[in-house]
Amino acid sequence: MAIAGSTGFKVDLDAVPNSCKRIDDLLFSESHSRYIIGTKEPEKVRRALSAAGVTFAEIGSTAGTIEFTKSKKKVIKLALKQLQASFDSLGKVME
């Protein structure tokens, strides 16, 4: 979503429901199925998820950068253009 849509995000890792002891485990864990929902109607999504009994957490918002924080400290911060350039170069490396 961030690369294709040219919209970055900020994520508060403390808001992500988990039992991970390390940040890398949290970021790359394959423990439970999770979905990220981006919407212009957050209240409508909250109501639908609550009505369906789905456990959910609001973990972030859109931004001009890619940023992850933990205990209010920036853990990862990347310029969106930097991430897009790295992603675009991946195909060249794989050839």
C-alpha atoms as a PDB file:
ATOM      1  CA  MET A   1       0.000   0.000   0.000  1.00  0.00           C
ATOM      2  CA  ALA A   2       2.755   2.438   0.892  1.00  0.00           C
ATOM      3  CA  ILE A   3       4.881   1.887  -2.192  1.00  0.00           C
ATOM      4  CA  ALA A   4       2.168   1.610  -4.828  1.00  0.00           C
ATOM      5  CA  GLY A   5      -0.049   4.313  -3.383  1.00  0.00           C
ATOM      6  CA  SER A   6       2.700   6.824  -2.591  1.00  0.00           C
ATOM      7  CA  THR A   7       1.287   7.201   0.913  1.00  0.00           C
ATOM      8  CA  GLY A   8       3.476   6.503   3.899  1.00  0.00           C
ATOM      9  CA  PHE A   9       2.439   5.515   7.388  1.00  0.00           C
ATOM     10  CA  LYS A  10       3.293   5.785  11.049  1.00  0.00           C
ATOM     11  CA  VAL A  11       2.829   2.694  13.216  1.00  0.00           C
ATOM     12  CA  ASP A  12       2.929   2.570  17.004  1.00  0.00           C
ATOM     13  CA  LEU A  13       4.325  -0.896  17.728  1.00  0.00           C
ATOM     14  CA  ASP A  14       3.026  -0.660  21.311  1.00  0.00           C
ATOM     15  CA  ALA A  15      -0.518  -0.683  19.883  1.00  0.00           C
ATOM     16  CA  VAL A  16      -0.040  -3.960  17.969  1.00  0.00           C
ATOM     17  CA  PRO A  17      -1.561  -6.869  19.934  1.00  0.00           C
ATOM     18  CA  ASN A  18       1.257  -9.384  20.402  1.00  0.00           C
ATOM     19  CA  SER A  19       3.309 -11.452  22.802  1.00  0.00           C
ATOM     20  CA  CYS A  20       6.678 -10.895  21.074  1.00  0.00           C
ATOM     21  CA  LYS A  21       9.715 -10.119  23.178  1.00  0.00           C
ATOM     22  CA  ARG A  22      11.762  -8.581  20.342  1.00  0.00           C
ATOM     23  CA  ILE A  23      10.893  -5.936  17.766  1.00  0.00           C
ATOM     24  CA  ASP A  24      12.131  -8.053  14.846  1.00  0.00           C
ATOM     25  CA  ASP A  25       9.844 -10.884  15.972  1.00  0.00           C
ATOM     26  CA  LEU A  26       6.935  -8.460  16.083  1.00  0.00           C
ATOM     27  CA  LEU A  27       7.675  -6.999  12.643  1.00  0.00           C
ATOM     28  CA  PHE A  28       8.193 -10.336  10.885  1.00  0.00           C
ATOM     29  CA  SER A  29       6.176 -12.762  13.004  1.00  0.00           C
ATOM     30  CA  GLU A  30       4.045 -15.339  11.245  1.00  0.00           C
ATOM     31  CA  SER A  31       2.243 -16.295  14.453  1.00  0.00           C
ATOM     32  CA  HIS A  32      -1.324 -15.164  13.751  1.00  0.00           C
ATOM     33  CA  SER A  33      -3.120 -13.962  10.673  1.00  0.00           C
ATOM     34  CA  ARG A  34      -3.380 -10.196  10.620  1.00  0.00           C
ATOM     35  CA  TYR A  35      -4.785  -7.690   8.198  1.00  0.00           C
ATOM     36  CA  ILE A  36      -4.080  -4.013   7.706  1.00  0.00           C
ATOM     37  CA  ILE A  37      -7.091  -1.937   6.762  1.00  0.00           C
ATOM     38  CA  GLY A  38      -6.706   1.527   5.319  1.00  0.00           C
ATOM     39  CA  THR A  39      -9.938   3.509   5.165  1.00  0.00           C
ATOM     40  CA  LYS A  40     -11.366   6.974   4.839  1.00  0.00           C
ATOM     41  CA  GLU A  41     -14.237   5.853   7.084  1.00  0.00           C
ATOM     42  CA  PRO A  42     -12.612   4.608  10.312  1.00  0.00           C
ATOM     43  CA  GLU A  43     -15.757   4.839  12.445  1.00  0.00           C
ATOM     44  CA  LYS A  44     -17.685   2.663   9.981  1.00  0.00           C
ATOM     45  CA  VAL A  45     -14.911   0.044  10.075  1.00  0.00           C
ATOM     46  CA  ARG A  46     -14.776   0.155  13.906  1.00  0.00           C
ATOM     47  CA  ARG A  47     -18.533  -0.452  14.103  1.00  0.00           C
ATOM     48  CA  ALA A  48     -18.420  -3.334  11.607  1.00  0.00           C
ATOM     49  CA  LEU A  49     -15.502  -5.067  13.321  1.00  0.00           C
ATOM     50  CA  SER A  50     -17.023  -4.610  16.776  1.00  0.00           C
ATOM     51  CA  ALA A  51     -20.412  -5.904  15.601  1.00  0.00           C
ATOM     52  CA  ALA A  52     -18.723  -8.993  14.162  1.00  0.00           C
ATOM     53  CA  GLY A  53     -16.803  -9.628  17.386  1.00  0.00           C
ATOM     54  CA  VAL A  54     -13.440  -9.189  15.669  1.00  0.00           C
ATOM     55  CA  THR A  55     -10.454  -8.270  17.822  1.00  0.00           C
ATOM     56  CA  PHE A  56      -8.752  -5.236  16.327  1.00  0.00           C
ATOM     57  CA  ALA A  57      -6.437  -2.385  17.180  1.00  0.00           C
ATOM     58  CA  GLU A  58      -5.766   0.967  15.613  1.00  0.00           C
ATOM     59  CA  ILE A  59      -2.006   0.923  15.208  1.00  0.00           C
ATOM     60  CA  GLY A  60      -1.250   3.960  13.073  1.00  0.00           C
ATOM     61  CA  SER A  61      -2.136   6.440  10.412  1.00  0.00           C
ATOM     62  CA  THR A  62      -1.026   7.646   7.008  1.00  0.00           C
ATOM     63  CA  ALA A  63       1.974   9.956   6.784  1.00  0.00           C
ATOM     64  CA  GLY A  64       4.595  11.243   4.382  1.00  0.00           C
ATOM     65  CA  THR A  65       7.234   8.791   5.656  1.00  0.00           C
ATOM     66  CA  ILE A  66       7.494   5.180   6.756  1.00  0.00           C
ATOM     67  CA  GLU A  67       7.863   5.259  10.515  1.00  0.00           C
ATOM     68  CA  PHE A  68       7.643   2.717  13.334  1.00  0.00           C
ATOM     69  CA  THR A  69       7.791   3.810  16.968  1.00  0.00           C
ATOM     70  CA  LYS A  70       8.149   1.822  20.187  1.00  0.00           C
ATOM     71  CA  SER A  71       7.877   3.427  23.614  1.00  0.00           C
ATOM     72  CA  LYS A  72       7.544   6.776  21.785  1.00  0.00           C
ATOM     73  CA  LYS A  73      11.003   6.332  20.224  1.00  0.00           C
ATOM     74  CA  LYS A  74      11.501   6.045  16.464  1.00  0.00           C
ATOM     75  CA  VAL A  75      12.683   2.526  15.668  1.00  0.00           C
ATOM     76  CA  ILE A  76      12.509   2.821  11.875  1.00  0.00           C
ATOM     77  CA  LYS A  77      12.112   5.947   9.774  1.00  0.00           C
ATOM     78  CA  LEU A  78      12.464   5.921   5.998  1.00  0.00           C
ATOM     79  CA  ALA A  79      11.718   8.499   3.370  1.00  0.00           C
ATOM     80  CA  LEU A  80       8.984   7.176   1.097  1.00  0.00           C
ATOM     81  CA  LYS A  81      11.030   7.973  -2.029  1.00  0.00           C
ATOM     82  CA  GLN A  82      13.994   6.037  -0.605  1.00  0.00           C
ATOM     83  CA  LEU A  83      11.813   2.986   0.000  1.00  0.00           C
ATOM     84  CA  GLN A  84      10.249   3.236  -3.472  1.00  0.00           C
ATOM     85  CA  ALA A  85      13.705   3.473  -5.118  1.00  0.00           C
ATOM     86  CA  SER A  86      14.934   0.417  -3.211  1.00  0.00           C
ATOM     87  CA  PHE A  87      11.799  -1.522  -4.111  1.00  0.00           C
ATOM     88  CA  ASP A  88      12.052  -0.542  -7.783  1.00  0.00           C
ATOM     89  CA  SER A  89      15.705  -1.652  -7.920  1.00  0.00           C
ATOM     90  CA  LEU A  90      14.823  -5.108  -6.561  1.00  0.00           C
ATOM     91  CA  GLY A  91      13.756  -6.307 -10.028  1.00  0.00           C
ATOM     92  CA  LYS A  92      17.110  -5.289 -11.501  1.00  0.00           C
ATOM     93  CA  VAL A  93      18.978  -7.187  -8.807  1.00  0.00           C
ATOM     94  CA  MET A  94      16.875 -10.304  -9.386  1.00  0.00           C
ATOM     95  CA  GLU A  95      17.580 -10.380 -13.158  1.00  0.00           C
END
